[in-house]
Every structure is written in C-alpha cells, then in structure tokens.
Amino acid sequence: MKDLTFGTMIAVFEEMFAPWLFWGMVVLALLITVAWLYVLVRDRAFGMRQFLIAQLFMPIGAIAAVWFVMVMTDSRLADIGGPVDVIVLLAIAALGAVGMGMLVYVIERLGFRGHQSS
C-alpha cells in the first residue's frame, strides 16, 4: 500500500466489513444526513431541547461505533499498537457520537412535530 488513495481506502473498508455492509453503512449515513438537513430547513430553527437530548445519546453512539468495529475486525482493546491506532479509535468514536446525535435529533424533530419548543 504505497499510495493512499480514495479507491484504496474504499477497497480496505470493503475488505474489512464486506461490500454489502460497507455500502449499507454509507447509504444509512447519507440518509441520516439528508434527514437532518431536511429537519433544519423545514423548521428554520434548531430545537435546543431536542439537541440536548440528542447530546445525551452521543456517548452511546461512540461506544456502539467502537464496539461494532471491534466485533467486525475481531479485535480487542488490548490489540491497540500505537498512537495511530488510538487516533483511529478516537475518530471512530467521534463519528459514532455525531451520527447518533444526528439520528436522535431527527427522530425527535420528526416524531414530536406538535411540540415547537426551541
């Protein structure tokens, strides 16, 4: 792996997760992002109560993302070998937290349309 290109990264992720699972996760992430943008444009406001509740779910998303990657790659926390592994693990946790926050916010704003508290 002499050159780190976008195509190389796609191939690595497809090998790690299986193509159907990797592309399923990409589609799910895109759907959540589009739904989040839709809710923001539709409401023209950011619901602070819903945002607070979404933030409370973010640690669950971080733990779930790290756990998912550990299970899929058949790894343990004891297998962390150096600073790059820690950085990658923290990035996975951060993406999982943000994704869970966005998902919970969207569910709240779409599910509780009658409550227009900001």
N, C-alpha and C. Protein backbone atom coordinates (compact mmCIF):
# COMPACT_ATOMS: atom_id res chain seq x y z
N MET A 1 0.84 -1.17 0.00
CA MET A 1 0.00 0.00 0.00
C MET A 1 0.89 1.23 0.00
N LYS A 2 1.49 1.47 -1.14
CA LYS A 2 2.43 2.57 -1.29
C LYS A 2 1.72 3.92 -1.34
N ASP A 3 0.61 3.99 -2.08
CA ASP A 3 -0.14 5.24 -2.22
C ASP A 3 -1.48 5.11 -1.51
N LEU A 4 -1.81 6.12 -0.72
CA LEU A 4 -3.09 6.15 -0.03
C LEU A 4 -4.07 6.97 -0.85
N THR A 5 -4.89 6.30 -1.62
CA THR A 5 -5.87 6.97 -2.47
C THR A 5 -7.27 6.66 -1.96
N PHE A 6 -8.23 7.40 -2.49
CA PHE A 6 -9.62 7.18 -2.12
C PHE A 6 -10.07 5.76 -2.49
N GLY A 7 -9.67 5.31 -3.66
CA GLY A 7 -10.01 3.95 -4.10
C GLY A 7 -9.41 2.88 -3.20
N THR A 8 -8.20 3.12 -2.74
CA THR A 8 -7.55 2.18 -1.83
C THR A 8 -8.31 2.11 -0.51
N MET A 9 -8.73 3.25 0.00
CA MET A 9 -9.48 3.26 1.25
C MET A 9 -10.82 2.55 1.10
N ILE A 10 -11.51 2.75 -0.02
CA ILE A 10 -12.77 2.04 -0.27
C ILE A 10 -12.53 0.54 -0.28
N ALA A 11 -11.48 0.10 -0.95
CA ALA A 11 -11.16 -1.33 -1.01
C ALA A 11 -10.86 -1.90 0.38
N VAL A 12 -10.15 -1.15 1.20
CA VAL A 12 -9.83 -1.60 2.55
C VAL A 12 -11.11 -1.73 3.38
N PHE A 13 -11.98 -0.73 3.31
CA PHE A 13 -13.22 -0.79 4.07
C PHE A 13 -14.13 -1.91 3.59
N GLU A 14 -14.19 -2.13 2.27
CA GLU A 14 -14.98 -3.24 1.74
C GLU A 14 -14.42 -4.58 2.22
N GLU A 15 -13.12 -4.68 2.32
CA GLU A 15 -12.50 -5.92 2.80
C GLU A 15 -12.76 -6.12 4.29
N MET A 16 -12.73 -5.04 5.05
CA MET A 16 -12.97 -5.13 6.50
C MET A 16 -14.41 -5.51 6.83
N PHE A 17 -15.36 -4.87 6.17
CA PHE A 17 -16.76 -5.00 6.55
C PHE A 17 -17.61 -5.83 5.60
N ALA A 18 -17.11 -6.23 4.47
CA ALA A 18 -17.87 -6.87 3.38
C ALA A 18 -18.55 -5.75 2.58
N PRO A 19 -18.55 -5.88 1.28
CA PRO A 19 -19.08 -4.79 0.44
C PRO A 19 -20.53 -4.39 0.77
N TRP A 20 -21.40 -5.36 0.99
CA TRP A 20 -22.81 -5.05 1.25
C TRP A 20 -22.97 -4.27 2.55
N LEU A 21 -22.21 -4.61 3.57
CA LEU A 21 -22.32 -3.91 4.84
C LEU A 21 -21.71 -2.51 4.75
N PHE A 22 -20.57 -2.40 4.10
CA PHE A 22 -19.93 -1.09 3.97
C PHE A 22 -20.83 -0.13 3.21
N TRP A 23 -21.34 -0.53 2.06
CA TRP A 23 -22.17 0.37 1.28
C TRP A 23 -23.51 0.61 1.96
N GLY A 24 -24.00 -0.35 2.72
CA GLY A 24 -25.20 -0.14 3.52
C GLY A 24 -24.99 0.93 4.56
N MET A 25 -23.81 0.92 5.21
CA MET A 25 -23.49 1.96 6.20
C MET A 25 -23.36 3.32 5.53
N VAL A 26 -22.79 3.37 4.34
CA VAL A 26 -22.65 4.63 3.62
C VAL A 26 -24.03 5.19 3.27
N VAL A 27 -24.92 4.33 2.78
CA VAL A 27 -26.28 4.77 2.43
C VAL A 27 -27.02 5.24 3.68
N LEU A 28 -26.89 4.50 4.79
CA LEU A 28 -27.55 4.89 6.04
C LEU A 28 -27.03 6.24 6.53
N ALA A 29 -25.73 6.46 6.46
CA ALA A 29 -25.16 7.74 6.87
C ALA A 29 -25.68 8.88 5.99
N LEU A 30 -25.79 8.64 4.70
CA LEU A 30 -26.31 9.66 3.79
C LEU A 30 -27.78 9.96 4.07
N LEU A 31 -28.57 8.92 4.35
CA LEU A 31 -29.98 9.12 4.66
C LEU A 31 -30.17 9.92 5.95
N ILE A 32 -29.40 9.62 6.96
CA ILE A 32 -29.49 10.36 8.22
C ILE A 32 -29.08 11.81 8.01
N THR A 33 -28.03 12.03 7.22
CA THR A 33 -27.58 13.40 6.95
C THR A 33 -28.63 14.19 6.17
N VAL A 34 -29.22 13.58 5.17
CA VAL A 34 -30.27 14.25 4.38
C VAL A 34 -31.48 14.54 5.27
N ALA A 35 -31.86 13.60 6.12
CA ALA A 35 -33.00 13.82 7.02
C ALA A 35 -32.70 14.95 8.00
N TRP A 36 -31.47 15.01 8.50
CA TRP A 36 -31.08 16.08 9.42
C TRP A 36 -31.16 17.44 8.74
N LEU A 37 -30.63 17.52 7.51
CA LEU A 37 -30.71 18.77 6.76
C LEU A 37 -32.15 19.15 6.46
N TYR A 38 -32.97 18.17 6.13
CA TYR A 38 -34.39 18.42 5.88
C TYR A 38 -35.06 19.02 7.10
N VAL A 39 -34.81 18.44 8.27
CA VAL A 39 -35.42 18.94 9.50
C VAL A 39 -34.95 20.37 9.79
N LEU A 40 -33.67 20.64 9.59
CA LEU A 40 -33.17 22.00 9.84
C LEU A 40 -33.80 23.02 8.90
N VAL A 41 -33.94 22.66 7.63
CA VAL A 41 -34.53 23.58 6.65
C VAL A 41 -36.03 23.72 6.91
N ARG A 42 -36.70 22.61 7.21
CA ARG A 42 -38.15 22.64 7.45
C ARG A 42 -38.51 23.49 8.66
N ASP A 43 -37.79 23.31 9.75
CA ASP A 43 -38.13 24.01 10.99
C ASP A 43 -37.56 25.42 11.05
N ARG A 44 -36.54 25.71 10.26
CA ARG A 44 -35.87 27.01 10.25
C ARG A 44 -35.40 27.43 11.64
N ALA A 45 -35.19 26.44 12.48
CA ALA A 45 -34.72 26.69 13.84
C ALA A 45 -34.06 25.42 14.35
N PHE A 46 -33.29 25.59 15.37
CA PHE A 46 -32.60 24.45 15.97
C PHE A 46 -33.24 24.22 17.34
N GLY A 47 -33.91 23.09 17.51
CA GLY A 47 -34.58 22.79 18.77
C GLY A 47 -33.57 22.47 19.86
N MET A 48 -33.42 23.38 20.79
CA MET A 48 -32.38 23.21 21.81
C MET A 48 -32.70 22.08 22.77
N ARG A 49 -33.97 21.87 23.08
CA ARG A 49 -34.33 20.76 23.97
C ARG A 49 -34.00 19.43 23.29
N GLN A 50 -34.36 19.31 22.03
CA GLN A 50 -34.07 18.08 21.30
C GLN A 50 -32.56 17.90 21.12
N PHE A 51 -31.86 19.00 20.93
CA PHE A 51 -30.41 18.93 20.78
C PHE A 51 -29.75 18.44 22.07
N LEU A 52 -30.25 18.90 23.21
CA LEU A 52 -29.71 18.45 24.48
C LEU A 52 -29.94 16.95 24.68
N ILE A 53 -31.14 16.50 24.37
CA ILE A 53 -31.42 15.07 24.50
C ILE A 53 -30.55 14.27 23.53
N ALA A 54 -30.36 14.77 22.31
CA ALA A 54 -29.50 14.10 21.33
C ALA A 54 -28.07 14.02 21.85
N GLN A 55 -27.60 15.07 22.53
CA GLN A 55 -26.25 15.04 23.09
C GLN A 55 -26.11 13.98 24.17
N LEU A 56 -27.16 13.74 24.91
CA LEU A 56 -27.11 12.71 25.94
C LEU A 56 -26.94 11.31 25.37
N PHE A 57 -27.35 11.12 24.12
CA PHE A 57 -27.20 9.82 23.46
C PHE A 57 -25.85 9.67 22.76
N MET A 58 -25.10 10.75 22.63
CA MET A 58 -23.83 10.69 21.90
C MET A 58 -22.81 9.71 22.49
N PRO A 59 -22.64 9.62 23.81
CA PRO A 59 -21.71 8.61 24.33
C PRO A 59 -22.11 7.18 23.97
N ILE A 60 -23.41 6.94 23.89
CA ILE A 60 -23.87 5.61 23.49
C ILE A 60 -23.45 5.33 22.05
N GLY A 61 -23.57 6.33 21.18
CA GLY A 61 -23.14 6.19 19.79
C GLY A 61 -21.65 5.95 19.67
N ALA A 62 -20.86 6.64 20.50
CA ALA A 62 -19.41 6.46 20.47
C ALA A 62 -19.03 5.04 20.88
N ILE A 63 -19.62 4.57 21.97
CA ILE A 63 -19.32 3.21 22.44
C ILE A 63 -19.80 2.18 21.43
N ALA A 64 -20.99 2.39 20.86
CA ALA A 64 -21.52 1.44 19.88
C ALA A 64 -20.64 1.37 18.64
N ALA A 65 -20.13 2.50 18.18
CA ALA A 65 -19.28 2.50 16.99
C ALA A 65 -17.98 1.76 17.24
N VAL A 66 -17.36 2.02 18.39
CA VAL A 66 -16.10 1.33 18.71
C VAL A 66 -16.36 -0.16 18.88
N TRP A 67 -17.43 -0.51 19.57
CA TRP A 67 -17.77 -1.92 19.76
C TRP A 67 -18.01 -2.60 18.41
N PHE A 68 -18.76 -1.94 17.51
CA PHE A 68 -19.06 -2.50 16.20
C PHE A 68 -17.78 -2.78 15.41
N VAL A 69 -16.87 -1.83 15.40
CA VAL A 69 -15.62 -2.03 14.66
C VAL A 69 -14.79 -3.14 15.30
N MET A 70 -14.77 -3.19 16.61
CA MET A 70 -14.01 -4.25 17.30
C MET A 70 -14.58 -5.63 16.97
N VAL A 71 -15.89 -5.74 16.92
CA VAL A 71 -16.52 -7.02 16.59
C VAL A 71 -16.26 -7.39 15.14
N MET A 72 -16.43 -6.44 14.24
CA MET A 72 -16.27 -6.72 12.81
C MET A 72 -14.83 -7.06 12.43
N THR A 73 -13.88 -6.48 13.13
CA THR A 73 -12.47 -6.74 12.81
C THR A 73 -11.86 -7.81 13.71
N ASP A 74 -12.67 -8.39 14.59
CA ASP A 74 -12.22 -9.44 15.51
C ASP A 74 -11.01 -8.95 16.32
N SER A 75 -11.15 -7.76 16.90
CA SER A 75 -10.07 -7.13 17.66
C SER A 75 -10.50 -6.94 19.11
N ARG A 76 -9.53 -6.57 19.91
CA ARG A 76 -9.77 -6.22 21.31
C ARG A 76 -9.05 -4.90 21.58
N LEU A 77 -9.39 -4.27 22.70
CA LEU A 77 -8.69 -3.04 23.05
C LEU A 77 -7.22 -3.31 23.33
N ALA A 78 -6.90 -4.53 23.75
CA ALA A 78 -5.50 -4.89 24.02
C ALA A 78 -4.67 -4.94 22.73
N ASP A 79 -5.33 -4.96 21.57
CA ASP A 79 -4.62 -5.03 20.30
C ASP A 79 -4.14 -3.66 19.81
N ILE A 80 -4.47 -2.59 20.54
CA ILE A 80 -4.04 -1.25 20.13
C ILE A 80 -2.52 -1.22 20.20
N GLY A 81 -1.90 -0.84 19.07
CA GLY A 81 -0.45 -0.94 18.98
C GLY A 81 0.31 0.36 19.09
N GLY A 82 -0.32 1.47 18.88
CA GLY A 82 0.43 2.72 18.90
C GLY A 82 -0.47 3.92 18.79
N PRO A 83 0.13 5.09 18.63
CA PRO A 83 -0.64 6.33 18.58
C PRO A 83 -1.63 6.40 17.41
N VAL A 84 -1.27 5.83 16.28
CA VAL A 84 -2.17 5.87 15.13
C VAL A 84 -3.43 5.07 15.43
N ASP A 85 -3.29 3.93 16.09
CA ASP A 85 -4.45 3.13 16.46
C ASP A 85 -5.36 3.89 17.40
N VAL A 86 -4.78 4.61 18.34
CA VAL A 86 -5.58 5.40 19.28
C VAL A 86 -6.31 6.52 18.54
N ILE A 87 -5.64 7.18 17.61
CA ILE A 87 -6.25 8.26 16.84
C ILE A 87 -7.41 7.72 16.00
N VAL A 88 -7.22 6.57 15.37
CA VAL A 88 -8.29 5.96 14.57
C VAL A 88 -9.47 5.58 15.46
N LEU A 89 -9.19 5.01 16.61
CA LEU A 89 -10.25 4.63 17.55
C LEU A 89 -11.02 5.85 18.05
N LEU A 90 -10.33 6.93 18.33
CA LEU A 90 -11.00 8.16 18.74
C LEU A 90 -11.83 8.75 17.61
N ALA A 91 -11.34 8.65 16.38
CA ALA A 91 -12.10 9.14 15.23
C ALA A 91 -13.37 8.31 15.03
N ILE A 92 -13.27 7.00 15.21
CA ILE A 92 -14.44 6.13 15.10
C ILE A 92 -15.46 6.51 16.17
N ALA A 93 -14.98 6.73 17.39
CA ALA A 93 -15.87 7.12 18.49
C ALA A 93 -16.54 8.46 18.19
N ALA A 94 -15.78 9.41 17.68
CA ALA A 94 -16.34 10.74 17.37
C ALA A 94 -17.40 10.65 16.28
N LEU A 95 -17.13 9.88 15.24
CA LEU A 95 -18.12 9.73 14.16
C LEU A 95 -19.37 9.01 14.66
N GLY A 96 -19.19 8.02 15.50
CA GLY A 96 -20.34 7.33 16.08
C GLY A 96 -21.17 8.26 16.95
N ALA A 97 -20.51 9.10 17.73
CA ALA A 97 -21.22 10.05 18.59
C ALA A 97 -22.01 11.05 17.76
N VAL A 98 -21.38 11.62 16.75
CA VAL A 98 -22.06 12.61 15.90
C VAL A 98 -23.23 11.96 15.16
N GLY A 99 -23.01 10.77 14.63
CA GLY A 99 -24.07 10.07 13.92
C GLY A 99 -25.26 9.77 14.81
N MET A 100 -25.00 9.32 16.03
CA MET A 100 -26.09 9.03 16.97
C MET A 100 -26.81 10.32 17.35
N GLY A 101 -26.06 11.39 17.56
CA GLY A 101 -26.69 12.66 17.88
C GLY A 101 -27.60 13.15 16.77
N MET A 102 -27.15 13.04 15.55
CA MET A 102 -27.97 13.46 14.41
C MET A 102 -29.22 12.60 14.30
N LEU A 103 -29.05 11.29 14.47
CA LEU A 103 -30.18 10.37 14.35
C LEU A 103 -31.24 10.66 15.42
N VAL A 104 -30.81 10.82 16.66
CA VAL A 104 -31.76 11.09 17.74
C VAL A 104 -32.45 12.43 17.52
N TYR A 105 -31.72 13.44 17.09
CA TYR A 105 -32.31 14.76 16.83
C TYR A 105 -33.38 14.66 15.75
N VAL A 106 -33.07 13.95 14.67
CA VAL A 106 -34.03 13.80 13.57
C VAL A 106 -35.28 13.07 14.04
N ILE A 107 -35.09 11.99 14.79
CA ILE A 107 -36.24 11.23 15.28
C ILE A 107 -37.11 12.10 16.17
N GLU A 108 -36.47 12.88 17.04
CA GLU A 108 -37.24 13.76 17.92
C GLU A 108 -38.00 14.83 17.15
N ARG A 109 -37.35 15.47 16.21
CA ARG A 109 -38.00 16.58 15.49
C ARG A 109 -39.08 16.06 14.54
N LEU A 110 -38.91 14.90 13.99
CA LEU A 110 -39.95 14.34 13.12
C LEU A 110 -41.08 13.72 13.93
N GLY A 111 -40.75 13.16 15.08
CA GLY A 111 -41.75 12.47 15.88
C GLY A 111 -42.58 13.36 16.76
N PHE A 112 -42.04 14.52 17.16
CA PHE A 112 -42.74 15.42 18.07
C PHE A 112 -42.97 16.76 17.38
N ARG A 113 -43.57 16.73 16.21
CA ARG A 113 -43.80 17.95 15.43
C ARG A 113 -44.69 18.94 16.17
N GLY A 114 -45.63 18.44 16.99
CA GLY A 114 -46.55 19.33 17.69
C GLY A 114 -45.87 20.17 18.75
N HIS A 115 -44.76 19.74 19.29
CA HIS A 115 -44.04 20.47 20.33
C HIS A 115 -42.98 21.34 19.65
N GLN A 116 -43.24 22.61 19.52
CA GLN A 116 -42.31 23.51 18.82
C GLN A 116 -41.39 24.22 19.78
N SER A 117 -41.01 23.57 20.88
CA SER A 117 -40.09 24.22 21.82
C SER A 117 -38.70 24.30 21.21
N SER A 118 -38.05 25.42 21.41
CA SER A 118 -36.72 25.61 20.87
C SER A 118 -35.65 25.48 21.93
